[in-house]
């Protein structure tokens, strides 16, 4: 990021950090917003992200920054060998960053009730 003096801030993702605290950590402004609280509920959940070129990445949601870039842990890339659906090639990638501009879809592995509660920001 050229000429940027303000670093992008990501949500901390250590499981121990959340499990050993009595209250949720605050965001950079010192107070926890409802949007940040909802994102924290997604930490370490299976997430399937589609990108513009037709590939899909499946991994554990690790963090997101203010620009909407997502980091997946233990990610696996799935892509079609040709523009037909099967057969699909896959490869293990580990920790990856998916830029917000490249993302075309995003699905989280959770119950329908949880998905509905995450959709409304109050």
PDB file of N, CA and C in Angstrom:
ATOM      1  N   UNK A   1       0.834  -1.162   0.000  1.00  0.00           N
ATOM      2  CA  UNK A   1       0.000   0.000   0.000  1.00  0.00           C
ATOM      3  C   UNK A   1       0.885   1.233   0.000  1.00  0.00           C
ATOM      4  N   UNK A   2       1.010   1.848  -1.117  1.00  0.00           N
ATOM      5  CA  UNK A   2       1.917   2.959  -1.278  1.00  0.00           C
ATOM      6  C   UNK A   2       1.335   4.224  -0.683  1.00  0.00           C
ATOM      7  N   UNK A   3       2.158   4.970   0.058  1.00  0.00           N
ATOM      8  CA  UNK A   3       1.770   6.253   0.583  1.00  0.00           C
ATOM      9  C   UNK A   3       0.732   6.194   1.693  1.00  0.00           C
ATOM     10  N   UNK A   4       0.423   5.039   2.179  1.00  0.00           N
ATOM     11  CA  UNK A   4      -0.578   4.904   3.228  1.00  0.00           C
ATOM     12  C   UNK A   4       0.115   4.919   4.584  1.00  0.00           C
ATOM     13  N   UNK A   5      -0.195   5.927   5.388  1.00  0.00           N
ATOM     14  CA  UNK A   5       0.434   6.015   6.698  1.00  0.00           C
ATOM     15  C   UNK A   5      -0.428   5.375   7.776  1.00  0.00           C
ATOM     16  N   UNK A   6      -1.700   5.113   7.476  1.00  0.00           N
ATOM     17  CA  UNK A   6      -2.593   4.493   8.443  1.00  0.00           C
ATOM     18  C   UNK A   6      -2.672   3.000   8.158  1.00  0.00           C
ATOM     19  N   UNK A   7      -2.193   2.164   9.089  1.00  0.00           N
ATOM     20  CA  UNK A   7      -2.260   0.712   8.851  1.00  0.00           C
ATOM     21  C   UNK A   7      -3.699   0.230   8.955  1.00  0.00           C
ATOM     22  N   UNK A   8      -4.047  -0.759   8.118  1.00  0.00           N
ATOM     23  CA  UNK A   8      -5.382  -1.336   8.224  1.00  0.00           C
ATOM     24  C   UNK A   8      -5.406  -2.216   9.458  1.00  0.00           C
ATOM     25  N   UNK A   9      -6.519  -2.189  10.156  1.00  0.00           N
ATOM     26  CA  UNK A   9      -6.628  -2.949  11.386  1.00  0.00           C
ATOM     27  C   UNK A   9      -7.505  -4.161  11.156  1.00  0.00           C
ATOM     28  N   UNK A  10      -7.029  -5.300  11.588  1.00  0.00           N
ATOM     29  CA  UNK A  10      -7.790  -6.540  11.479  1.00  0.00           C
ATOM     30  C   UNK A  10      -8.308  -6.909  12.856  1.00  0.00           C
ATOM     31  N   UNK A  11      -9.371  -7.662  12.892  1.00  0.00           N
ATOM     32  CA  UNK A  11      -9.915  -8.129  14.153  1.00  0.00           C
ATOM     33  C   UNK A  11      -8.985  -9.197  14.695  1.00  0.00           C
ATOM     34  N   UNK A  12      -8.559  -9.094  15.959  1.00  0.00           N
ATOM     35  CA  UNK A  12      -7.686 -10.127  16.517  1.00  0.00           C
ATOM     36  C   UNK A  12      -8.387 -11.477  16.511  1.00  0.00           C
ATOM     37  N   UNK A  13      -7.606 -12.541  16.291  1.00  0.00           N
ATOM     38  CA  UNK A  13      -8.261 -13.824  16.081  1.00  0.00           C
ATOM     39  C   UNK A  13      -7.811 -14.951  16.986  1.00  0.00           C
ATOM     40  N   UNK A  14      -7.034 -14.691  17.975  1.00  0.00           N
ATOM     41  CA  UNK A  14      -6.586 -15.762  18.857  1.00  0.00           C
ATOM     42  C   UNK A  14      -7.759 -16.327  19.646  1.00  0.00           C
ATOM     43  N   UNK A  15      -7.980 -17.644  19.550  1.00  0.00           N
ATOM     44  CA  UNK A  15      -9.083 -18.268  20.293  1.00  0.00           C
ATOM     45  C   UNK A  15      -8.910 -18.061  21.789  1.00  0.00           C
ATOM     46  N   UNK A  16      -7.677 -18.178  22.293  1.00  0.00           N
ATOM     47  CA  UNK A  16      -7.434 -17.992  23.713  1.00  0.00           C
ATOM     48  C   UNK A  16      -7.801 -16.586  24.140  1.00  0.00           C
ATOM     49  N   UNK A  17      -7.589 -15.624  23.271  1.00  0.00           N
ATOM     50  CA  UNK A  17      -7.888 -14.228  23.572  1.00  0.00           C
ATOM     51  C   UNK A  17      -9.370 -14.070  23.884  1.00  0.00           C
ATOM     52  N   UNK A  18     -10.231 -14.763  23.128  1.00  0.00           N
ATOM     53  CA  UNK A  18     -11.671 -14.656  23.343  1.00  0.00           C
ATOM     54  C   UNK A  18     -12.155 -15.568  24.462  1.00  0.00           C
ATOM     55  N   UNK A  19     -11.572 -16.741  24.583  1.00  0.00           N
ATOM     56  CA  UNK A  19     -12.046 -17.702  25.567  1.00  0.00           C
ATOM     57  C   UNK A  19     -11.677 -17.298  26.992  1.00  0.00           C
ATOM     58  N   UNK A  20     -10.585 -16.561  27.173  1.00  0.00           N
ATOM     59  CA  UNK A  20     -10.113 -16.235  28.506  1.00  0.00           C
ATOM     60  C   UNK A  20     -10.490 -14.833  28.961  1.00  0.00           C
ATOM     61  N   UNK A  21     -11.371 -14.158  28.253  1.00  0.00           N
ATOM     62  CA  UNK A  21     -11.789 -12.816  28.644  1.00  0.00           C
ATOM     63  C   UNK A  21     -13.232 -12.848  29.117  1.00  0.00           C
ATOM     64  N   UNK A  22     -13.534 -12.015  30.107  1.00  0.00           N
ATOM     65  CA  UNK A  22     -14.902 -11.977  30.607  1.00  0.00           C
ATOM     66  C   UNK A  22     -15.802 -11.134  29.722  1.00  0.00           C
ATOM     67  N   UNK A  23     -15.238 -10.153  29.015  1.00  0.00           N
ATOM     68  CA  UNK A  23     -16.046  -9.343  28.104  1.00  0.00           C
ATOM     69  C   UNK A  23     -15.376  -9.306  26.743  1.00  0.00           C
ATOM     70  N   UNK A  24     -16.157  -8.980  25.719  1.00  0.00           N
ATOM     71  CA  UNK A  24     -15.623  -8.938  24.352  1.00  0.00           C
ATOM     72  C   UNK A  24     -14.648  -7.789  24.223  1.00  0.00           C
ATOM     73  N   UNK A  25     -13.569  -7.962  23.460  1.00  0.00           N
ATOM     74  CA  UNK A  25     -12.607  -6.887  23.278  1.00  0.00           C
ATOM     75  C   UNK A  25     -13.229  -5.730  22.503  1.00  0.00           C
ATOM     76  N   UNK A  26     -12.745  -4.551  22.753  1.00  0.00           N
ATOM     77  CA  UNK A  26     -13.280  -3.358  22.095  1.00  0.00           C
ATOM     78  C   UNK A  26     -12.571  -3.120  20.781  1.00  0.00           C
ATOM     79  N   UNK A  27     -13.237  -2.422  19.874  1.00  0.00           N
ATOM     80  CA  UNK A  27     -12.607  -2.085  18.605  1.00  0.00           C
ATOM     81  C   UNK A  27     -11.674  -0.891  18.797  1.00  0.00           C
ATOM     82  N   UNK A  28     -11.128  -0.349  17.724  1.00  0.00           N
ATOM     83  CA  UNK A  28     -10.123   0.711  17.804  1.00  0.00           C
ATOM     84  C   UNK A  28     -10.661   1.961  18.476  1.00  0.00           C
ATOM     85  N   UNK A  29     -11.953   2.243  18.382  1.00  0.00           N
ATOM     86  CA  UNK A  29     -12.526   3.438  18.979  1.00  0.00           C
ATOM     87  C   UNK A  29     -12.784   3.265  20.468  1.00  0.00           C
ATOM     88  N   UNK A  30     -12.632   2.079  21.003  1.00  0.00           N
ATOM     89  CA  UNK A  30     -12.820   1.848  22.421  1.00  0.00           C
ATOM     90  C   UNK A  30     -14.176   1.275  22.773  1.00  0.00           C
ATOM     91  N   UNK A  31     -15.065   1.099  21.814  1.00  0.00           N
ATOM     92  CA  UNK A  31     -16.366   0.502  22.091  1.00  0.00           C
ATOM     93  C   UNK A  31     -16.654  -0.548  21.030  1.00  0.00           C
ATOM     94  N   UNK A  32     -17.344  -1.586  21.413  1.00  0.00           N
ATOM     95  CA  UNK A  32     -17.643  -2.673  20.493  1.00  0.00           C
ATOM     96  C   UNK A  32     -18.966  -2.398  19.788  1.00  0.00           C
ATOM     97  N   UNK A  33     -18.941  -2.337  18.471  1.00  0.00           N
ATOM     98  CA  UNK A  33     -20.157  -2.094  17.702  1.00  0.00           C
ATOM     99  C   UNK A  33     -20.864  -3.420  17.436  1.00  0.00           C
ATOM    100  N   UNK A  34     -22.161  -3.369  17.101  1.00  0.00           N
ATOM    101  CA  UNK A  34     -22.895  -4.613  16.790  1.00  0.00           C
ATOM    102  C   UNK A  34     -22.300  -5.358  15.595  1.00  0.00           C
ATOM    103  N   UNK A  35     -21.807  -4.629  14.592  1.00  0.00           N
ATOM    104  CA  UNK A  35     -21.217  -5.276  13.419  1.00  0.00           C
ATOM    105  C   UNK A  35     -19.963  -6.060  13.806  1.00  0.00           C
ATOM    106  N   UNK A  36     -19.129  -5.485  14.667  1.00  0.00           N
ATOM    107  CA  UNK A  36     -17.913  -6.167  15.110  1.00  0.00           C
ATOM    108  C   UNK A  36     -18.274  -7.395  15.942  1.00  0.00           C
ATOM    109  N   UNK A  37     -19.287  -7.267  16.788  1.00  0.00           N
ATOM    110  CA  UNK A  37     -19.722  -8.401  17.608  1.00  0.00           C
ATOM    111  C   UNK A  37     -20.210  -9.545  16.725  1.00  0.00           C
ATOM    112  N   UNK A  38     -20.921  -9.226  15.654  1.00  0.00           N
ATOM    113  CA  UNK A  38     -21.413 -10.265  14.751  1.00  0.00           C
ATOM    114  C   UNK A  38     -20.268 -10.918  13.989  1.00  0.00           C
ATOM    115  N   UNK A  39     -19.277 -10.135  13.601  1.00  0.00           N
ATOM    116  CA  UNK A  39     -18.119 -10.718  12.924  1.00  0.00           C
ATOM    117  C   UNK A  39     -17.345 -11.645  13.848  1.00  0.00           C
ATOM    118  N   UNK A  40     -17.274 -11.298  15.117  1.00  0.00           N
ATOM    119  CA  UNK A  40     -16.572 -12.164  16.072  1.00  0.00           C
ATOM    120  C   UNK A  40     -17.228 -13.538  16.166  1.00  0.00           C
ATOM    121  N   UNK A  41     -18.538 -13.590  15.976  1.00  0.00           N
ATOM    122  CA  UNK A  41     -19.240 -14.879  16.018  1.00  0.00           C
ATOM    123  C   UNK A  41     -18.846 -15.773  14.848  1.00  0.00           C
ATOM    124  N   UNK A  42     -18.323 -15.181  13.778  1.00  0.00           N
ATOM    125  CA  UNK A  42     -17.925 -15.954  12.605  1.00  0.00           C
ATOM    126  C   UNK A  42     -16.508 -16.514  12.698  1.00  0.00           C
ATOM    127  N   UNK A  43     -15.723 -16.039  13.667  1.00  0.00           N
ATOM    128  CA  UNK A  43     -14.339 -16.488  13.775  1.00  0.00           C
ATOM    129  C   UNK A  43     -14.254 -17.997  13.896  1.00  0.00           C
ATOM    130  N   UNK A  44     -13.326 -18.569  13.147  1.00  0.00           N
ATOM    131  CA  UNK A  44     -13.018 -19.999  13.150  1.00  0.00           C
ATOM    132  C   UNK A  44     -14.172 -20.866  12.644  1.00  0.00           C
ATOM    133  N   UNK A  45     -15.079 -20.290  11.864  1.00  0.00           N
ATOM    134  CA  UNK A  45     -16.139 -21.047  11.194  1.00  0.00           C
ATOM    135  C   UNK A  45     -15.691 -21.354   9.781  1.00  0.00           C
ATOM    136  N   UNK A  46     -16.191 -22.445   9.227  1.00  0.00           N
ATOM    137  CA  UNK A  46     -15.917 -22.784   7.828  1.00  0.00           C
ATOM    138  C   UNK A  46     -16.566 -21.734   6.929  1.00  0.00           C
ATOM    139  N   UNK A  47     -15.805 -21.208   5.987  1.00  0.00           N
ATOM    140  CA  UNK A  47     -16.314 -20.205   5.068  1.00  0.00           C
ATOM    141  C   UNK A  47     -15.932 -20.606   3.650  1.00  0.00           C
ATOM    142  N   UNK A  48     -16.893 -20.487   2.742  1.00  0.00           N
ATOM    143  CA  UNK A  48     -16.670 -20.762   1.322  1.00  0.00           C
ATOM    144  C   UNK A  48     -16.766 -19.439   0.587  1.00  0.00           C
ATOM    145  N   UNK A  49     -15.678 -19.054  -0.077  1.00  0.00           N
ATOM    146  CA  UNK A  49     -15.630 -17.771  -0.774  1.00  0.00           C
ATOM    147  C   UNK A  49     -15.372 -18.017  -2.254  1.00  0.00           C
ATOM    148  N   UNK A  50     -16.224 -17.439  -3.093  1.00  0.00           N
ATOM    149  CA  UNK A  50     -16.045 -17.501  -4.540  1.00  0.00           C
ATOM    150  C   UNK A  50     -15.382 -16.221  -5.019  1.00  0.00           C
ATOM    151  N   UNK A  51     -14.500 -16.349  -6.001  1.00  0.00           N
ATOM    152  CA  UNK A  51     -13.835 -15.170  -6.576  1.00  0.00           C
ATOM    153  C   UNK A  51     -14.225 -15.024  -8.041  1.00  0.00           C
ATOM    154  N   UNK A  52     -13.936 -13.859  -8.586  1.00  0.00           N
ATOM    155  CA  UNK A  52     -14.398 -13.485  -9.928  1.00  0.00           C
ATOM    156  C   UNK A  52     -13.969 -14.440 -11.040  1.00  0.00           C
ATOM    157  N   UNK A  53     -12.837 -15.090 -10.902  1.00  0.00           N
ATOM    158  CA  UNK A  53     -12.353 -15.959 -11.981  1.00  0.00           C
ATOM    159  C   UNK A  53     -12.916 -17.389 -11.908  1.00  0.00           C
ATOM    160  N   UNK A  54     -13.859 -17.642 -11.006  1.00  0.00           N
ATOM    161  CA  UNK A  54     -14.513 -18.947 -10.945  1.00  0.00           C
ATOM    162  C   UNK A  54     -13.972 -19.898  -9.902  1.00  0.00           C
ATOM    163  N   UNK A  55     -12.901 -19.533  -9.225  1.00  0.00           N
ATOM    164  CA  UNK A  55     -12.353 -20.395  -8.182  1.00  0.00           C
ATOM    165  C   UNK A  55     -13.133 -20.208  -6.887  1.00  0.00           C
ATOM    166  N   UNK A  56     -13.041 -21.216  -6.005  1.00  0.00           N
ATOM    167  CA  UNK A  56     -13.646 -21.166  -4.679  1.00  0.00           C
ATOM    168  C   UNK A  56     -12.590 -21.525  -3.658  1.00  0.00           C
ATOM    169  N   UNK A  57     -12.664 -20.900  -2.495  1.00  0.00           N
ATOM    170  CA  UNK A  57     -11.743 -21.179  -1.402  1.00  0.00           C
ATOM    171  C   UNK A  57     -12.557 -21.560  -0.175  1.00  0.00           C
ATOM    172  N   UNK A  58     -12.193 -22.687   0.435  1.00  0.00           N
ATOM    173  CA  UNK A  58     -12.858 -23.163   1.640  1.00  0.00           C
ATOM    174  C   UNK A  58     -11.832 -23.176   2.752  1.00  0.00           C
ATOM    175  N   UNK A  59     -12.161 -22.522   3.862  1.00  0.00           N
ATOM    176  CA  UNK A  59     -11.240 -22.480   4.987  1.00  0.00           C
ATOM    177  C   UNK A  59     -11.901 -21.890   6.208  1.00  0.00           C
ATOM    178  N   UNK A  60     -11.127 -21.772   7.281  1.00  0.00           N
ATOM    179  CA  UNK A  60     -11.631 -21.191   8.524  1.00  0.00           C
ATOM    180  C   UNK A  60     -11.469 -19.683   8.460  1.00  0.00           C
ATOM    181  N   UNK A  61     -12.538 -18.963   8.787  1.00  0.00           N
ATOM    182  CA  UNK A  61     -12.491 -17.498   8.813  1.00  0.00           C
ATOM    183  C   UNK A  61     -11.538 -17.060   9.912  1.00  0.00           C
ATOM    184  N   UNK A  62     -10.495 -16.328   9.518  1.00  0.00           N
ATOM    185  CA  UNK A  62      -9.448 -15.919  10.454  1.00  0.00           C
ATOM    186  C   UNK A  62      -9.600 -14.463  10.848  1.00  0.00           C
ATOM    187  N   UNK A  63      -9.811 -13.567   9.873  1.00  0.00           N
ATOM    188  CA  UNK A  63     -10.046 -12.161  10.167  1.00  0.00           C
ATOM    189  C   UNK A  63     -10.473 -11.408   8.913  1.00  0.00           C
ATOM    190  N   UNK A  64     -10.922 -10.172   9.127  1.00  0.00           N
ATOM    191  CA  UNK A  64     -11.300  -9.261   8.049  1.00  0.00           C
ATOM    192  C   UNK A  64     -10.798  -7.884   8.451  1.00  0.00           C
ATOM    193  N   UNK A  65     -10.362  -7.081   7.477  1.00  0.00           N
ATOM    194  CA  UNK A  65      -9.916  -5.732   7.794  1.00  0.00           C
ATOM    195  C   UNK A  65     -10.962  -4.712   7.355  1.00  0.00           C
ATOM    196  N   UNK A  66     -10.669  -3.431   7.570  1.00  0.00           N
ATOM    197  CA  UNK A  66     -11.635  -2.371   7.262  1.00  0.00           C
ATOM    198  C   UNK A  66     -11.973  -2.305   5.780  1.00  0.00           C
ATOM    199  N   UNK A  67     -11.062  -2.735   4.925  1.00  0.00           N
ATOM    200  CA  UNK A  67     -11.302  -2.710   3.481  1.00  0.00           C
ATOM    201  C   UNK A  67     -12.121  -3.904   3.011  1.00  0.00           C
ATOM    202  N   UNK A  68     -12.353  -4.886   3.862  1.00  0.00           N
ATOM    203  CA  UNK A  68     -13.143  -6.058   3.500  1.00  0.00           C
ATOM    204  C   UNK A  68     -12.321  -7.228   2.999  1.00  0.00           C
ATOM    205  N   UNK A  69     -11.000  -7.145   3.086  1.00  0.00           N
ATOM    206  CA  UNK A  69     -10.143  -8.272   2.715  1.00  0.00           C
ATOM    207  C   UNK A  69     -10.302  -9.356   3.780  1.00  0.00           C
ATOM    208  N   UNK A  70     -10.425 -10.599   3.342  1.00  0.00           N
ATOM    209  CA  UNK A  70     -10.655 -11.719   4.264  1.00  0.00           C
ATOM    210  C   UNK A  70      -9.444 -12.640   4.264  1.00  0.00           C
ATOM    211  N   UNK A  71      -9.074 -13.100   5.454  1.00  0.00           N
ATOM    212  CA  UNK A  71      -8.006 -14.094   5.588  1.00  0.00           C
ATOM    213  C   UNK A  71      -8.641 -15.403   6.025  1.00  0.00           C
ATOM    214  N   UNK A  72      -8.349 -16.462   5.271  1.00  0.00           N
ATOM    215  CA  UNK A  72      -8.808 -17.808   5.597  1.00  0.00           C
ATOM    216  C   UNK A  72      -7.620 -18.642   6.045  1.00  0.00           C
ATOM    217  N   UNK A  73      -7.851 -19.470   7.041  1.00  0.00           N
ATOM    218  CA  UNK A  73      -6.835 -20.368   7.580  1.00  0.00           C
ATOM    219  C   UNK A  73      -7.118 -21.779   7.072  1.00  0.00           C
ATOM    220  N   UNK A  74      -6.073 -22.548   6.809  1.00  0.00           N
ATOM    221  CA  UNK A  74      -6.205 -23.931   6.321  1.00  0.00           C
ATOM    222  C   UNK A  74      -7.075 -23.994   5.069  1.00  0.00           C
ATOM    223  N   UNK A  75      -6.846 -23.078   4.158  1.00  0.00           N
ATOM    224  CA  UNK A  75      -7.688 -22.941   2.961  1.00  0.00           C
ATOM    225  C   UNK A  75      -7.347 -23.985   1.901  1.00  0.00           C
ATOM    226  N   UNK A  76      -8.399 -24.377   1.186  1.00  0.00           N
ATOM    227  CA  UNK A  76      -8.278 -25.280   0.049  1.00  0.00           C
ATOM    228  C   UNK A  76      -8.897 -24.565  -1.147  1.00  0.00           C
ATOM    229  N   UNK A  77      -8.187 -24.565  -2.275  1.00  0.00           N
ATOM    230  CA  UNK A  77      -8.688 -23.940  -3.500  1.00  0.00           C
ATOM    231  C   UNK A  77      -9.363 -25.003  -4.355  1.00  0.00           C
ATOM    232  N   UNK A  78     -10.541 -24.679  -4.873  1.00  0.00           N
ATOM    233  CA  UNK A  78     -11.260 -25.562  -5.788  1.00  0.00           C
ATOM    234  C   UNK A  78     -11.453 -24.815  -7.097  1.00  0.00           C
ATOM    235  N   UNK A  79     -11.112 -25.489  -8.199  1.00  0.00           N
ATOM    236  CA  UNK A  79     -11.343 -24.882  -9.510  1.00  0.00           C
ATOM    237  C   UNK A  79     -11.642 -25.972 -10.513  1.00  0.00           C
ATOM    238  N   UNK A  80     -12.392 -25.586 -11.518  1.00  0.00           N
ATOM    239  CA  UNK A  80     -12.751 -26.528 -12.564  1.00  0.00           C
ATOM    240  C   UNK A  80     -11.573 -26.671 -13.515  1.00  0.00           C
ATOM    241  N   UNK A  81     -11.304 -27.887 -13.953  1.00  0.00           N
ATOM    242  CA  UNK A  81     -10.195 -28.133 -14.875  1.00  0.00           C
ATOM    243  C   UNK A  81     -10.418 -27.385 -16.189  1.00  0.00           C
ATOM    244  N   UNK A  82     -11.634 -27.369 -16.641  1.00  0.00           N
ATOM    245  CA  UNK A  82     -12.051 -26.590 -17.810  1.00  0.00           C
ATOM    246  C   UNK A  82     -13.311 -25.870 -17.411  1.00  0.00           C
ATOM    247  N   UNK A  83     -13.947 -25.197 -18.297  1.00  0.00           N
ATOM    248  CA  UNK A  83     -15.136 -24.427 -17.947  1.00  0.00           C
ATOM    249  C   UNK A  83     -16.379 -25.301 -17.753  1.00  0.00           C
ATOM    250  N   UNK A  84     -16.206 -26.605 -17.772  1.00  0.00           N
ATOM    251  CA  UNK A  84     -17.313 -27.507 -17.428  1.00  0.00           C
ATOM    252  C   UNK A  84     -17.294 -27.687 -15.909  1.00  0.00           C
ATOM    253  N   UNK A  85     -18.386 -28.124 -15.328  1.00  0.00           N
ATOM    254  CA  UNK A  85     -18.420 -28.244 -13.872  1.00  0.00           C
ATOM    255  C   UNK A  85     -17.459 -29.292 -13.334  1.00  0.00           C
ATOM    256  N   UNK A  86     -17.751 -30.600 -13.346  1.00  0.00           N
ATOM    257  CA  UNK A  86     -16.752 -31.563 -12.883  1.00  0.00           C
ATOM    258  C   UNK A  86     -15.821 -31.962 -14.018  1.00  0.00           C
ATOM    259  N   UNK A  87     -14.672 -32.468 -13.870  1.00  0.00           N
ATOM    260  CA  UNK A  87     -14.005 -32.715 -12.601  1.00  0.00           C
ATOM    261  C   UNK A  87     -13.396 -31.436 -12.015  1.00  0.00           C
ATOM    262  N   UNK A  88     -13.313 -31.372 -10.704  1.00  0.00           N
ATOM    263  CA  UNK A  88     -12.776 -30.208 -10.015  1.00  0.00           C
ATOM    264  C   UNK A  88     -11.399 -30.532  -9.473  1.00  0.00           C
ATOM    265  N   UNK A  89     -10.473 -29.598  -9.683  1.00  0.00           N
ATOM    266  CA  UNK A  89      -9.135 -29.741  -9.111  1.00  0.00           C
ATOM    267  C   UNK A  89      -9.108 -29.035  -7.773  1.00  0.00           C
ATOM    268  N   UNK A  90      -8.321 -29.551  -6.854  1.00  0.00           N
ATOM    269  CA  UNK A  90      -8.183 -28.885  -5.563  1.00  0.00           C
ATOM    270  C   UNK A  90      -6.728 -28.893  -5.153  1.00  0.00           C
ATOM    271  N   UNK A  91      -6.359 -27.888  -4.352  1.00  0.00           N
ATOM    272  CA  UNK A  91      -5.012 -27.851  -3.782  1.00  0.00           C
ATOM    273  C   UNK A  91      -5.063 -27.135  -2.444  1.00  0.00           C
ATOM    274  N   UNK A  92      -4.243 -27.594  -1.524  1.00  0.00           N
ATOM    275  CA  UNK A  92      -4.180 -27.004  -0.184  1.00  0.00           C
ATOM    276  C   UNK A  92      -3.275 -25.786  -0.217  1.00  0.00           C
ATOM    277  N   UNK A  93      -3.735 -24.693   0.377  1.00  0.00           N
ATOM    278  CA  UNK A  93      -2.986 -23.442   0.335  1.00  0.00           C
ATOM    279  C   UNK A  93      -2.513 -22.968   1.698  1.00  0.00           C
ATOM    280  N   UNK A  94      -3.220 -23.286   2.747  1.00  0.00           N
ATOM    281  CA  UNK A  94      -2.858 -22.789   4.069  1.00  0.00           C
ATOM    282  C   UNK A  94      -3.536 -21.463   4.357  1.00  0.00           C
ATOM    283  N   UNK A  95      -2.752 -20.462   4.769  1.00  0.00           N
ATOM    284  CA  UNK A  95      -3.275 -19.145   5.130  1.00  0.00           C
ATOM    285  C   UNK A  95      -3.276 -18.260   3.891  1.00  0.00           C
ATOM    286  N   UNK A  96      -4.448 -17.725   3.509  1.00  0.00           N
ATOM    287  CA  UNK A  96      -4.530 -16.896   2.302  1.00  0.00           C
ATOM    288  C   UNK A  96      -5.341 -15.634   2.577  1.00  0.00           C
ATOM    289  N   UNK A  97      -5.073 -14.601   1.798  1.00  0.00           N
ATOM    290  CA  UNK A  97      -5.825 -13.356   1.839  1.00  0.00           C
ATOM    291  C   UNK A  97      -6.617 -13.236   0.550  1.00  0.00           C
ATOM    292  N   UNK A  98      -7.907 -12.961   0.686  1.00  0.00           N
ATOM    293  CA  UNK A  98      -8.769 -12.777  -0.481  1.00  0.00           C
ATOM    294  C   UNK A  98      -9.200 -11.318  -0.512  1.00  0.00           C
ATOM    295  N   UNK A  99      -8.748 -10.553  -1.508  1.00  0.00           N
ATOM    296  CA  UNK A  99      -9.115  -9.134  -1.581  1.00  0.00           C
ATOM    297  C   UNK A  99     -10.613  -8.950  -1.796  1.00  0.00           C
ATOM    298  N   UNK A 100     -11.162  -7.907  -1.215  1.00  0.00           N
ATOM    299  CA  UNK A 100     -12.594  -7.624  -1.326  1.00  0.00           C
ATOM    300  C   UNK A 100     -13.007  -7.422  -2.776  1.00  0.00           C
ATOM    301  N   UNK A 101     -12.141  -6.818  -3.592  1.00  0.00           N
ATOM    302  CA  UNK A 101     -12.470  -6.543  -4.993  1.00  0.00           C
ATOM    303  C   UNK A 101     -12.621  -7.819  -5.814  1.00  0.00           C
ATOM    304  N   UNK A 102     -12.003  -8.914  -5.386  1.00  0.00           N
ATOM    305  CA  UNK A 102     -12.049 -10.172  -6.131  1.00  0.00           C
ATOM    306  C   UNK A 102     -13.194 -11.077  -5.699  1.00  0.00           C
ATOM    307  N   UNK A 103     -13.790 -10.810  -4.569  1.00  0.00           N
ATOM    308  CA  UNK A 103     -14.795 -11.701  -3.985  1.00  0.00           C
ATOM    309  C   UNK A 103     -16.132 -11.571  -4.711  1.00  0.00           C
ATOM    310  N   UNK A 104     -16.717 -12.708  -5.101  1.00  0.00           N
ATOM    311  CA  UNK A 104     -18.019 -12.693  -5.769  1.00  0.00           C
ATOM    312  C   UNK A 104     -19.114 -13.308  -4.908  1.00  0.00           C
ATOM    313  N   UNK A 105     -18.754 -14.197  -3.976  1.00  0.00           N
ATOM    314  CA  UNK A 105     -19.738 -14.798  -3.077  1.00  0.00           C
ATOM    315  C   UNK A 105     -19.055 -15.217  -1.783  1.00  0.00           C
ATOM    316  N   UNK A 106     -19.877 -15.367  -0.752  1.00  0.00           N
ATOM    317  CA  UNK A 106     -19.343 -15.743   0.555  1.00  0.00           C
ATOM    318  C   UNK A 106     -20.423 -16.487   1.327  1.00  0.00           C
ATOM    319  N   UNK A 107     -20.113 -17.688   1.808  1.00  0.00           N
ATOM    320  CA  UNK A 107     -21.062 -18.484   2.581  1.00  0.00           C
ATOM    321  C   UNK A 107     -20.374 -18.967   3.855  1.00  0.00           C
ATOM    322  N   UNK A 108     -21.140 -18.969   4.947  1.00  0.00           N
ATOM    323  CA  UNK A 108     -20.622 -19.404   6.239  1.00  0.00           C
ATOM    324  C   UNK A 108     -21.367 -20.657   6.661  1.00  0.00           C
ATOM    325  N   UNK A 109     -20.631 -21.602   7.225  1.00  0.00           N
ATOM    326  CA  UNK A 109     -21.222 -22.848   7.697  1.00  0.00           C
ATOM    327  C   UNK A 109     -21.834 -22.624   9.076  1.00  0.00           C
ATOM    328  N   UNK A 110     -23.149 -22.352   9.110  1.00  0.00           N
ATOM    329  CA  UNK A 110     -23.871 -22.206  10.369  1.00  0.00           C
ATOM    330  C   UNK A 110     -25.350 -22.474  10.122  1.00  0.00           C
ATOM    331  N   UNK A 111     -26.132 -22.497  11.190  1.00  0.00           N
ATOM    332  CA  UNK A 111     -27.559 -22.804  11.072  1.00  0.00           C
ATOM    333  C   UNK A 111     -28.305 -21.647  10.405  1.00  0.00           C
ATOM    334  N   UNK A 112     -29.507 -21.921   9.920  1.00  0.00           N
ATOM    335  CA  UNK A 112     -30.313 -20.898   9.255  1.00  0.00           C
ATOM    336  C   UNK A 112     -30.647 -19.777  10.225  1.00  0.00           C
ATOM    337  N   UNK A 113     -30.934 -20.102  11.482  1.00  0.00           N
ATOM    338  CA  UNK A 113     -31.250 -19.082  12.479  1.00  0.00           C
ATOM    339  C   UNK A 113     -30.072 -18.135  12.676  1.00  0.00           C
ATOM    340  N   UNK A 114     -28.851 -18.705  12.733  1.00  0.00           N
ATOM    341  CA  UNK A 114     -27.662 -17.873  12.889  1.00  0.00           C
ATOM    342  C   UNK A 114     -27.455 -16.986  11.671  1.00  0.00           C
ATOM    343  N   UNK A 115     -27.670 -17.528  10.474  1.00  0.00           N
ATOM    344  CA  UNK A 115     -27.516 -16.723   9.260  1.00  0.00           C
ATOM    345  C   UNK A 115     -28.496 -15.557   9.246  1.00  0.00           C
ATOM    346  N   UNK A 116     -29.729 -15.802   9.656  1.00  0.00           N
ATOM    347  CA  UNK A 116     -30.722 -14.735   9.689  1.00  0.00           C
ATOM    348  C   UNK A 116     -30.356 -13.666  10.709  1.00  0.00           C
ATOM    349  N   UNK A 117     -29.830 -14.066  11.862  1.00  0.00           N
ATOM    350  CA  UNK A 117     -29.455 -13.084  12.871  1.00  0.00           C
ATOM    351  C   UNK A 117     -28.248 -12.268  12.434  1.00  0.00           C
ATOM    352  N   UNK A 118     -27.373 -12.860  11.625  1.00  0.00           N
ATOM    353  CA  UNK A 118     -26.201 -12.127  11.139  1.00  0.00           C
ATOM    354  C   UNK A 118     -26.564 -11.141  10.043  1.00  0.00           C
ATOM    355  N   UNK A 119     -27.665 -11.372   9.343  1.00  0.00           N
ATOM    356  CA  UNK A 119     -28.058 -10.493   8.246  1.00  0.00           C
ATOM    357  C   UNK A 119     -28.561  -9.133   8.710  1.00  0.00           C
ATOM    358  N   UNK A 120     -29.216  -9.084   9.855  1.00  0.00           N
ATOM    359  CA  UNK A 120     -29.771  -7.804  10.296  1.00  0.00           C
ATOM    360  C   UNK A 120     -28.787  -7.128  11.261  1.00  0.00           C
ATOM    361  N   UNK A 121     -28.371  -5.932  10.905  1.00  0.00           N
ATOM    362  CA  UNK A 121     -27.481  -5.131  11.736  1.00  0.00           C
ATOM    363  C   UNK A 121     -28.323  -4.087  12.462  1.00  0.00           C
ATOM    364  N   UNK A 122     -28.464  -4.237  13.751  1.00  0.00           N
ATOM    365  CA  UNK A 122     -29.283  -3.289  14.527  1.00  0.00           C
ATOM    366  C   UNK A 122     -28.408  -2.448  15.398  1.00  0.00           C
TER     367      UNK A 122
END
